[in-house]
Protein backbone atom coordinates (compact mmCIF):
# COMPACT_ATOMS: atom_id res chain seq x y z
CA MET A 1 88.55 122.69 100.04
CA THR A 2 91.82 123.93 101.45
CA ASP A 3 95.24 122.81 100.34
CA HIS A 4 97.25 124.14 103.33
CA ALA A 5 100.09 121.89 104.39
CA GLY A 6 102.28 122.00 107.46
CA THR A 7 106.01 122.32 107.85
CA ARG A 8 106.56 119.67 110.52
CA GLY A 9 105.84 116.01 110.02
CA ARG A 10 107.34 112.67 109.17
CA PRO A 11 109.09 112.79 105.78
CA TYR A 12 108.72 109.88 103.38
CA PRO A 13 112.07 108.69 101.98
CA ARG A 14 111.96 107.54 98.34
CA GLY A 15 112.33 103.87 99.28
CA VAL A 16 109.35 104.04 101.63
CA ALA A 17 107.32 105.87 99.00
CA ARG A 18 108.11 103.15 96.42
CA VAL A 19 107.09 100.37 98.80
CA GLN A 20 103.92 102.28 99.71
CA SER A 21 103.10 102.66 96.01
CA VAL A 22 103.50 98.92 95.37
CA LEU A 23 101.39 98.04 98.42
CA THR A 24 98.68 100.51 97.34
CA LYS A 25 98.54 99.03 93.83
CA THR A 26 98.46 95.47 95.18
CA HIS A 27 95.73 96.33 97.69
CA THR A 28 93.66 98.05 95.00
CA ILE A 29 93.94 95.08 92.62
CA ALA A 30 93.02 92.56 95.33
CA TYR A 31 90.08 94.69 96.48
CA ARG A 32 88.73 95.08 92.95
CA LEU A 33 89.18 91.42 91.97
CA THR A 34 87.43 90.14 95.11
CA GLY A 35 84.77 92.82 95.48
CA GLY A 36 86.34 93.87 98.77
CA ARG A 37 86.50 90.39 100.33
CA ILE A 38 90.28 90.86 100.37
CA GLY A 39 91.32 94.33 101.50
CA GLY A 40 87.85 95.37 102.63
CA THR A 41 89.04 95.91 106.21
CA LEU A 42 92.26 96.89 107.92
CA ARG A 43 92.79 96.62 111.67
CA GLY A 44 89.07 96.23 112.22
CA MET A 45 88.07 99.30 110.23
CA PRO A 46 86.33 99.27 106.84
CA MET A 47 88.17 100.30 103.70
CA LEU A 48 86.93 101.75 100.46
CA LEU A 49 88.59 102.56 97.18
CA LEU A 50 88.59 106.27 96.40
CA THR A 51 89.11 107.22 92.77
CA THR A 52 89.93 110.85 92.08
CA TRP A 53 90.90 112.76 88.99
CA GLY A 54 94.52 113.89 89.08
CA ARG A 55 94.65 117.66 89.44
CA ARG A 56 97.68 117.95 87.15
CA THR A 57 97.27 114.97 84.82
CA GLY A 58 93.50 114.51 84.73
CA LYS A 59 94.12 110.74 85.03
CA LEU A 60 92.09 108.58 87.37
CA ARG A 61 93.94 107.72 90.61
CA THR A 62 92.68 105.07 93.04
CA THR A 63 93.65 104.84 96.69
CA PRO A 64 92.46 102.35 99.33
CA LEU A 65 91.42 104.30 102.44
CA LEU A 66 89.95 103.67 105.86
CA TYR A 67 86.53 105.28 106.20
CA LEU A 68 83.85 105.75 108.79
CA PRO A 69 80.21 105.67 107.70
CA VAL A 70 78.28 108.13 109.87
CA ASP A 71 74.58 108.72 109.26
CA THR A 72 74.40 109.35 105.49
CA VAL A 73 78.05 110.24 104.77
CA PHE A 74 81.49 108.65 104.68
CA VAL A 75 84.26 110.33 106.65
CA LEU A 76 87.88 110.03 105.53
CA VAL A 77 91.07 111.14 107.27
CA ALA A 78 93.75 112.83 105.14
CA SER A 79 96.49 111.98 107.64
CA ASN A 80 99.23 110.82 105.27
CA GLY A 81 100.64 109.04 108.34
CA GLY A 82 101.48 112.35 110.00
CA ALA A 83 103.59 113.65 107.12
CA ALA A 84 104.09 117.40 106.68
CA GLN A 85 102.22 117.33 103.36
CA HIS A 86 98.60 116.37 102.79
CA PRO A 87 98.13 113.20 100.72
CA THR A 88 97.90 113.60 96.96
CA TRP A 89 94.31 112.37 96.89
CA TRP A 90 93.34 115.30 99.16
CA PHE A 91 94.74 117.81 96.67
CA ASN A 92 92.91 116.00 93.88
CA LEU A 93 89.63 116.30 95.81
CA CYS A 94 90.30 120.01 96.40
CA ASP A 95 90.40 120.60 92.64
CA TYR A 96 87.80 117.97 91.64
CA PRO A 97 85.43 117.26 94.56
CA GLU A 98 83.36 114.73 92.64
CA ALA A 99 84.92 111.29 92.91
CA LEU A 100 84.14 107.59 92.76
CA VAL A 101 84.15 105.09 95.61
CA GLN A 102 83.97 101.35 95.73
CA ILE A 103 82.64 99.71 98.88
CA GLY A 104 82.73 95.95 98.58
CA PRO A 105 81.44 95.14 95.10
CA ALA A 106 79.47 98.40 94.71
CA ARG A 107 80.69 101.55 93.04
CA GLY A 108 79.16 104.99 93.24
CA ARG A 109 79.77 108.70 92.85
CA VAL A 110 80.38 111.01 95.78
CA ARG A 111 80.95 114.71 96.34
CA ALA A 112 83.65 115.62 98.86
CA VAL A 113 83.53 118.60 101.19
CA PRO A 114 85.78 119.36 104.14
CA ALA A 115 84.24 118.72 107.54
CA THR A 116 82.89 121.84 109.21
CA ARG A 117 84.20 122.70 112.70
CA ALA A 118 81.08 121.15 114.23
CA GLU A 119 81.42 117.99 112.11
CA ARG A 120 85.10 117.74 112.99
CA GLN A 121 84.28 117.95 116.71
CA ARG A 122 81.72 115.21 116.23
CA PHE A 123 83.67 112.91 113.88
CA TRP A 124 87.21 113.08 115.33
CA PRO A 125 86.35 111.22 118.60
CA LEU A 126 84.43 108.58 116.61
CA LEU A 127 87.44 108.08 114.35
CA LEU A 128 89.77 107.76 117.33
CA GLU A 129 87.50 105.11 118.84
CA VAL A 130 87.95 102.87 115.83
CA TYR A 131 91.53 103.83 114.89
CA PRO A 132 93.45 105.45 117.79
CA ARG A 133 96.63 105.89 115.72
CA TYR A 134 95.09 108.98 114.10
CA GLU A 135 95.95 110.81 117.31
CA GLU A 136 99.62 109.82 116.86
CA TYR A 137 99.52 111.04 113.26
CA GLN A 138 98.10 114.40 114.33
CA ALA A 139 100.83 114.74 116.98
CA ARG A 140 103.55 114.20 114.32
CA THR A 141 102.58 117.20 112.21
CA ASP A 142 101.71 120.85 112.70
CA ARG A 143 99.03 120.79 109.99
CA GLU A 144 95.46 120.11 110.96
CA ILE A 145 94.64 116.77 109.42
CA PRO A 146 91.68 117.31 107.09
CA LEU A 147 88.52 115.26 107.41
CA PRO A 148 86.91 115.01 103.97
CA VAL A 149 83.23 114.15 104.15
CA LEU A 150 81.93 112.19 101.18
CA HIS A 151 78.29 112.80 100.30
CA PRO A 152 77.02 109.97 98.10
CA ILE A 153 75.44 111.01 94.83
CA ASP A 154 74.58 107.37 94.15
CA ARG A 155 72.77 106.54 97.40
CA THR A 156 72.52 102.78 96.79
CA ILE A 157 76.16 102.42 97.87
CA PHE A 158 75.01 102.47 101.51
CA ARG A 159 73.51 99.00 101.11
CA PHE A 160 77.03 97.63 100.84
CA VAL A 161 78.40 99.15 104.05
CA PRO A 162 78.67 96.32 106.60
CA ALA A 163 76.15 96.98 109.39
CA ARG A 164 78.78 96.58 112.12
CA TYR A 165 80.58 99.70 110.86
CA LYS A 166 77.63 102.04 110.53
CA GLN A 167 77.63 104.90 113.02
CA VAL A 168 74.32 106.62 113.64
CA HIS A 169 74.33 109.22 116.36
CA GLU A 170 72.17 112.05 117.55
CA THR A 171 73.51 115.42 116.39
């Protein structure tokens, strides 16, 4: 996985970063305690908890993220809100592509790979259909926003994806 970052994008002031950190921790706690009943969706799109191993510390790091289930994979968007730098969890996946996800009450292992050009062409319009702000985020930065594709190792996790979010399309 690549770790290229851009030079243009929205910077995150320290105050905003602190608030974002508190909101992320609160969201993660609520999601875990309720099995995703609280925090399982945001703006009509499903959310999962992604747990990666820190590339520098080796500690587990959990982030709530929007995802799109397509066929047999989960597609993420490493937008970082259009910031110049990729999100930390992306760099963690670059170094340690095996991670954990929680979808609702279920947890399972996944292996992350960057979307191929063909997958990106297929997934990007689907992502914009469900969350159009990704287009704004891409316009804010000169880096190409990565699309990590999570391949479940523990396949039973799919049973917990709400049917209304599943995308199955002809390739």
